[in-house]
C-alpha atoms as a PDB file:
ATOM      1  CA  UNK A   1      17.696  45.654 -18.752  1.00  0.00           C
ATOM      2  CA  UNK A   2      16.872  47.786 -21.802  1.00  0.00           C
ATOM      3  CA  UNK A   3      19.375  47.483 -24.636  1.00  0.00           C
ATOM      4  CA  UNK A   4      19.900  50.268 -27.217  1.00  0.00           C
ATOM      5  CA  UNK A   5      21.557  49.602 -30.557  1.00  0.00           C
ATOM      6  CA  UNK A   6      22.559  52.546 -32.751  1.00  0.00           C
ATOM      7  CA  UNK A   7      21.388  51.944 -36.314  1.00  0.00           C
ATOM      8  CA  UNK A   8      21.976  55.406 -37.822  1.00  0.00           C
ATOM      9  CA  UNK A   9      24.770  57.824 -36.985  1.00  0.00           C
ATOM     10  CA  UNK A  10      24.803  61.587 -37.456  1.00  0.00           C
ATOM     11  CA  UNK A  11      26.466  61.240 -40.879  1.00  0.00           C
ATOM     12  CA  UNK A  12      24.019  58.540 -41.958  1.00  0.00           C
ATOM     13  CA  UNK A  13      21.061  60.727 -40.976  1.00  0.00           C
ATOM     14  CA  UNK A  14      22.543  63.647 -42.935  1.00  0.00           C
ATOM     15  CA  UNK A  15      23.124  61.466 -46.004  1.00  0.00           C
ATOM     16  CA  UNK A  16      19.601  60.010 -45.771  1.00  0.00           C
ATOM     17  CA  UNK A  17      18.060  63.482 -45.651  1.00  0.00           C
ATOM     18  CA  UNK A  18      20.216  64.679 -48.543  1.00  0.00           C
ATOM     19  CA  UNK A  19      19.112  61.659 -50.605  1.00  0.00           C
ATOM     20  CA  UNK A  20      15.462  62.334 -49.729  1.00  0.00           C
ATOM     21  CA  UNK A  21      15.916  65.976 -50.815  1.00  0.00           C
ATOM     22  CA  UNK A  22      17.200  64.828 -54.214  1.00  0.00           C
ATOM     23  CA  UNK A  23      14.323  62.336 -54.522  1.00  0.00           C
ATOM     24  CA  UNK A  24      11.796  65.093 -53.739  1.00  0.00           C
ATOM     25  CA  UNK A  25      13.305  67.291 -56.452  1.00  0.00           C
ATOM     26  CA  UNK A  26      13.347  64.463 -58.975  1.00  0.00           C
ATOM     27  CA  UNK A  27       9.784  63.345 -58.317  1.00  0.00           C
ATOM     28  CA  UNK A  28       8.371  66.885 -58.359  1.00  0.00           C
ATOM     29  CA  UNK A  29      10.633  68.200 -61.146  1.00  0.00           C
ATOM     30  CA  UNK A  30      11.888  70.990 -58.922  1.00  0.00           C
ATOM     31  CA  UNK A  31      10.333  73.020 -56.140  1.00  0.00           C
ATOM     32  CA  UNK A  32       7.453  74.820 -57.823  1.00  0.00           C
ATOM     33  CA  UNK A  33       4.491  74.830 -55.410  1.00  0.00           C
ATOM     34  CA  UNK A  34       6.304  72.422 -53.040  1.00  0.00           C
ATOM     35  CA  UNK A  35       5.991  73.068 -49.297  1.00  0.00           C
ATOM     36  CA  UNK A  36       7.184  71.022 -46.333  1.00  0.00           C
ATOM     37  CA  UNK A  37       5.009  70.346 -43.315  1.00  0.00           C
ATOM     38  CA  UNK A  38       6.845  68.829 -40.350  1.00  0.00           C
ATOM     39  CA  UNK A  39       4.771  66.747 -37.952  1.00  0.00           C
ATOM     40  CA  UNK A  40       5.503  67.944 -34.428  1.00  0.00           C
ATOM     41  CA  UNK A  41       7.920  67.484 -32.823  1.00  0.00           C
ATOM     42  CA  UNK A  42      10.864  65.784 -34.510  1.00  0.00           C
ATOM     43  CA  UNK A  43       9.310  65.984 -37.966  1.00  0.00           C
ATOM     44  CA  UNK A  44       9.536  69.775 -37.765  1.00  0.00           C
ATOM     45  CA  UNK A  45      13.317  69.693 -37.310  1.00  0.00           C
ATOM     46  CA  UNK A  46      13.702  67.122 -40.081  1.00  0.00           C
ATOM     47  CA  UNK A  47      11.559  69.330 -42.376  1.00  0.00           C
ATOM     48  CA  UNK A  48      13.783  72.327 -41.608  1.00  0.00           C
ATOM     49  CA  UNK A  49      16.879  70.290 -42.450  1.00  0.00           C
ATOM     50  CA  UNK A  50      15.294  69.070 -45.698  1.00  0.00           C
ATOM     51  CA  UNK A  51      14.351  72.652 -46.570  1.00  0.00           C
ATOM     52  CA  UNK A  52      17.982  73.692 -46.107  1.00  0.00           C
ATOM     53  CA  UNK A  53      19.201  70.904 -48.404  1.00  0.00           C
ATOM     54  CA  UNK A  54      16.557  71.757 -51.009  1.00  0.00           C
ATOM     55  CA  UNK A  55      17.425  75.454 -50.822  1.00  0.00           C
ATOM     56  CA  UNK A  56      21.135  74.713 -51.218  1.00  0.00           C
ATOM     57  CA  UNK A  57      20.559  72.416 -54.203  1.00  0.00           C
ATOM     58  CA  UNK A  58      18.043  74.616 -56.065  1.00  0.00           C
ATOM     59  CA  UNK A  59      19.125  78.008 -54.720  1.00  0.00           C
ATOM     60  CA  UNK A  60      15.458  78.767 -53.887  1.00  0.00           C
ATOM     61  CA  UNK A  61      13.695  79.161 -50.549  1.00  0.00           C
ATOM     62  CA  UNK A  62      11.271  76.444 -49.457  1.00  0.00           C
ATOM     63  CA  UNK A  63       8.065  76.976 -47.489  1.00  0.00           C
ATOM     64  CA  UNK A  64       8.049  75.127 -44.160  1.00  0.00           C
ATOM     65  CA  UNK A  65       5.312  74.767 -41.574  1.00  0.00           C
ATOM     66  CA  UNK A  66       4.683  72.727 -38.471  1.00  0.00           C
ATOM     67  CA  UNK A  67       1.681  70.501 -38.026  1.00  0.00           C
ATOM     68  CA  UNK A  68       0.296  69.496 -34.643  1.00  0.00           C
ATOM     69  CA  UNK A  69      -1.720  66.302 -35.087  1.00  0.00           C
ATOM     70  CA  UNK A  70      -2.627  65.861 -31.404  1.00  0.00           C
ATOM     71  CA  UNK A  71      -6.177  67.283 -31.735  1.00  0.00           C
ATOM     72  CA  UNK A  72      -6.836  64.830 -34.581  1.00  0.00           C
ATOM     73  CA  UNK A  73      -5.566  61.614 -33.000  1.00  0.00           C
ATOM     74  CA  UNK A  74      -7.876  58.689 -32.328  1.00  0.00           C
ATOM     75  CA  UNK A  75      -5.958  57.406 -29.313  1.00  0.00           C
ATOM     76  CA  UNK A  76      -5.080  58.511 -25.778  1.00  0.00           C
ATOM     77  CA  UNK A  77      -2.652  61.231 -26.920  1.00  0.00           C
ATOM     78  CA  UNK A  78      -5.471  63.475 -28.178  1.00  0.00           C
ATOM     79  CA  UNK A  79      -5.673  67.040 -26.866  1.00  0.00           C
ATOM     80  CA  UNK A  80      -7.686  70.091 -27.873  1.00  0.00           C
ATOM     81  CA  UNK A  81      -5.001  72.778 -28.203  1.00  0.00           C
ATOM     82  CA  UNK A  82      -3.643  72.979 -31.777  1.00  0.00           C
ATOM     83  CA  UNK A  83      -0.060  74.302 -31.943  1.00  0.00           C
ATOM     84  CA  UNK A  84       0.276  74.142 -35.745  1.00  0.00           C
ATOM     85  CA  UNK A  85       2.026  76.979 -37.571  1.00  0.00           C
ATOM     86  CA  UNK A  86       1.385  76.980 -41.315  1.00  0.00           C
ATOM     87  CA  UNK A  87       2.449  80.341 -42.797  1.00  0.00           C
ATOM     88  CA  UNK A  88       1.155  79.597 -46.308  1.00  0.00           C
ATOM     89  CA  UNK A  89      -2.024  78.588 -48.121  1.00  0.00           C
ATOM     90  CA  UNK A  90      -2.416  74.874 -48.827  1.00  0.00           C
ATOM     91  CA  UNK A  91      -4.324  75.349 -52.066  1.00  0.00           C
ATOM     92  CA  UNK A  92      -2.394  74.193 -55.155  1.00  0.00           C
ATOM     93  CA  UNK A  93       0.606  73.112 -53.039  1.00  0.00           C
ATOM     94  CA  UNK A  94       2.418  69.817 -53.224  1.00  0.00           C
ATOM     95  CA  UNK A  95       2.719  69.188 -49.492  1.00  0.00           C
ATOM     96  CA  UNK A  96       5.513  66.991 -48.251  1.00  0.00           C
ATOM     97  CA  UNK A  97       4.584  65.699 -44.785  1.00  0.00           C
ATOM     98  CA  UNK A  98       7.761  65.006 -42.822  1.00  0.00           C
ATOM     99  CA  UNK A  99       8.037  62.765 -39.763  1.00  0.00           C
ATOM    100  CA  UNK A 100      10.715  60.846 -37.931  1.00  0.00           C
ATOM    101  CA  UNK A 101       9.208  57.341 -37.754  1.00  0.00           C
ATOM    102  CA  UNK A 102       6.415  55.681 -39.709  1.00  0.00           C
ATOM    103  CA  UNK A 103       4.896  52.854 -37.681  1.00  0.00           C
ATOM    104  CA  UNK A 104       1.157  52.083 -37.569  1.00  0.00           C
ATOM    105  CA  UNK A 105       0.158  54.969 -39.835  1.00  0.00           C
ATOM    106  CA  UNK A 106      -2.139  56.563 -37.258  1.00  0.00           C
ATOM    107  CA  UNK A 107      -0.069  59.755 -36.960  1.00  0.00           C
ATOM    108  CA  UNK A 108      -0.171  60.205 -40.735  1.00  0.00           C
ATOM    109  CA  UNK A 109      -3.950  59.622 -40.729  1.00  0.00           C
ATOM    110  CA  UNK A 110      -4.287  62.323 -38.073  1.00  0.00           C
ATOM    111  CA  UNK A 111      -2.059  64.612 -40.168  1.00  0.00           C
ATOM    112  CA  UNK A 112      -4.291  64.101 -43.215  1.00  0.00           C
ATOM    113  CA  UNK A 113      -7.329  64.986 -41.098  1.00  0.00           C
ATOM    114  CA  UNK A 114      -5.560  68.117 -39.823  1.00  0.00           C
ATOM    115  CA  UNK A 115      -4.665  69.151 -43.376  1.00  0.00           C
ATOM    116  CA  UNK A 116      -8.202  68.593 -44.660  1.00  0.00           C
ATOM    117  CA  UNK A 117      -9.510  71.038 -42.012  1.00  0.00           C
ATOM    118  CA  UNK A 118      -7.210  73.749 -43.380  1.00  0.00           C
ATOM    119  CA  UNK A 119      -7.621  73.429 -47.130  1.00  0.00           C
ATOM    120  CA  UNK A 120      -7.089  71.212 -50.107  1.00  0.00           C
ATOM    121  CA  UNK A 121      -3.541  70.828 -51.393  1.00  0.00           C
ATOM    122  CA  UNK A 122      -2.855  69.655 -54.918  1.00  0.00           C
ATOM    123  CA  UNK A 123      -1.054  66.583 -53.581  1.00  0.00           C
ATOM    124  CA  UNK A 124       0.300  65.190 -50.305  1.00  0.00           C
ATOM    125  CA  UNK A 125       3.506  63.166 -50.179  1.00  0.00           C
ATOM    126  CA  UNK A 126       5.145  61.581 -47.138  1.00  0.00           C
ATOM    127  CA  UNK A 127       8.840  61.648 -46.181  1.00  0.00           C
ATOM    128  CA  UNK A 128      10.080  59.752 -43.134  1.00  0.00           C
ATOM    129  CA  UNK A 129      13.514  59.173 -41.709  1.00  0.00           C
ATOM    130  CA  UNK A 130      12.635  55.632 -40.563  1.00  0.00           C
ATOM    131  CA  UNK A 131       9.951  53.180 -41.679  1.00  0.00           C
ATOM    132  CA  UNK A 132       9.679  50.399 -39.101  1.00  0.00           C
ATOM    133  CA  UNK A 133       6.720  48.560 -40.631  1.00  0.00           C
ATOM    134  CA  UNK A 134       3.692  47.166 -38.747  1.00  0.00           C
ATOM    135  CA  UNK A 135       1.101  49.325 -40.498  1.00  0.00           C
ATOM    136  CA  UNK A 136      -2.466  49.282 -39.175  1.00  0.00           C
ATOM    137  CA  UNK A 137      -3.689  51.563 -41.976  1.00  0.00           C
ATOM    138  CA  UNK A 138      -2.999  51.471 -45.737  1.00  0.00           C
ATOM    139  CA  UNK A 139      -0.362  54.215 -45.664  1.00  0.00           C
ATOM    140  CA  UNK A 140       3.106  54.185 -47.189  1.00  0.00           C
ATOM    141  CA  UNK A 141       5.900  56.712 -47.390  1.00  0.00           C
ATOM    142  CA  UNK A 142       6.981  58.229 -50.699  1.00  0.00           C
ATOM    143  CA  UNK A 143      10.474  58.972 -49.370  1.00  0.00           C
ATOM    144  CA  UNK A 144      12.237  56.823 -46.743  1.00  0.00           C
ATOM    145  CA  UNK A 145      15.637  57.351 -45.171  1.00  0.00           C
ATOM    146  CA  UNK A 146      15.933  53.822 -43.760  1.00  0.00           C
ATOM    147  CA  UNK A 147      13.669  50.784 -43.556  1.00  0.00           C
ATOM    148  CA  UNK A 148      14.131  49.132 -40.157  1.00  0.00           C
ATOM    149  CA  UNK A 149      12.217  45.889 -39.682  1.00  0.00           C
ATOM    150  CA  UNK A 150      11.422  45.655 -35.989  1.00  0.00           C
ATOM    151  CA  UNK A 151       9.548  43.470 -33.565  1.00  0.00           C
ATOM    152  CA  UNK A 152       6.227  45.162 -32.878  1.00  0.00           C
ATOM    153  CA  UNK A 153       6.066  44.133 -29.218  1.00  0.00           C
ATOM    154  CA  UNK A 154       9.718  43.934 -28.166  1.00  0.00           C
ATOM    155  CA  UNK A 155      11.399  46.828 -29.974  1.00  0.00           C
ATOM    156  CA  UNK A 156      10.976  50.572 -30.326  1.00  0.00           C
ATOM    157  CA  UNK A 157      12.727  53.050 -32.579  1.00  0.00           C
ATOM    158  CA  UNK A 158      14.159  56.151 -30.909  1.00  0.00           C
ATOM    159  CA  UNK A 159      15.174  59.066 -33.116  1.00  0.00           C
ATOM    160  CA  UNK A 160      17.462  61.558 -31.397  1.00  0.00           C
ATOM    161  CA  UNK A 161      18.026  64.980 -32.920  1.00  0.00           C
ATOM    162  CA  UNK A 162      20.520  67.603 -31.778  1.00  0.00           C
ATOM    163  CA  UNK A 163      17.829  70.271 -31.532  1.00  0.00           C
ATOM    164  CA  UNK A 164      15.975  68.271 -28.857  1.00  0.00           C
ATOM    165  CA  UNK A 165      18.222  65.500 -27.577  1.00  0.00           C
ATOM    166  CA  UNK A 166      21.714  66.911 -28.020  1.00  0.00           C
ATOM    167  CA  UNK A 167      22.765  64.224 -30.528  1.00  0.00           C
ATOM    168  CA  UNK A 168      21.810  62.911 -33.949  1.00  0.00           C
ATOM    169  CA  UNK A 169      21.275  59.154 -33.893  1.00  0.00           C
ATOM    170  CA  UNK A 170      18.636  56.495 -34.424  1.00  0.00           C
ATOM    171  CA  UNK A 171      18.449  53.603 -31.993  1.00  0.00           C
ATOM    172  CA  UNK A 172      16.518  50.383 -31.822  1.00  0.00           C
ATOM    173  CA  UNK A 173      15.546  49.925 -28.188  1.00  0.00           C
ATOM    174  CA  UNK A 174      15.059  46.294 -27.165  1.00  0.00           C
ATOM    175  CA  UNK A 175      12.496  46.151 -24.370  1.00  0.00           C
ATOM    176  CA  UNK A 176      12.528  43.757 -21.456  1.00  0.00           C
ATOM    177  CA  UNK A 177      10.074  40.893 -21.613  1.00  0.00           C
END
């Protein structure tokens, strides 16, 4: 039997994203040349939510794009079709990569490869809703909603978002042995 334990509610996700938005503004001293790039799929929706918070706080629009890392992966999920949509130039931008869960770091590595094929931003920062540890690469997030220590083999983190799943919640899923 698979057991799911809710670790973040809808309100906790909202508060985490609002806190991250404030941290982004503080670190970058505002929004000048800042753009968000959501890693498909859930990272895109989180980036859009962050952009809304940033816009509401600063009363300025925020550039948002979506990044498909699948063609740049080094594992079995690689595919050739690139579905990225980046409606702005990367040059001189402070790019905030946004994703739902940071785990081994391989998705972020693929995202960095995808970005390097498109241009050279001024800086790349990483915002994640959940950091579950177990890095295989030397990658860390600049902005984290929640650190969730997990068992690498026996637990998974499932982020549910209304736009895709009909609810906002984060679960730890305990797998059968």
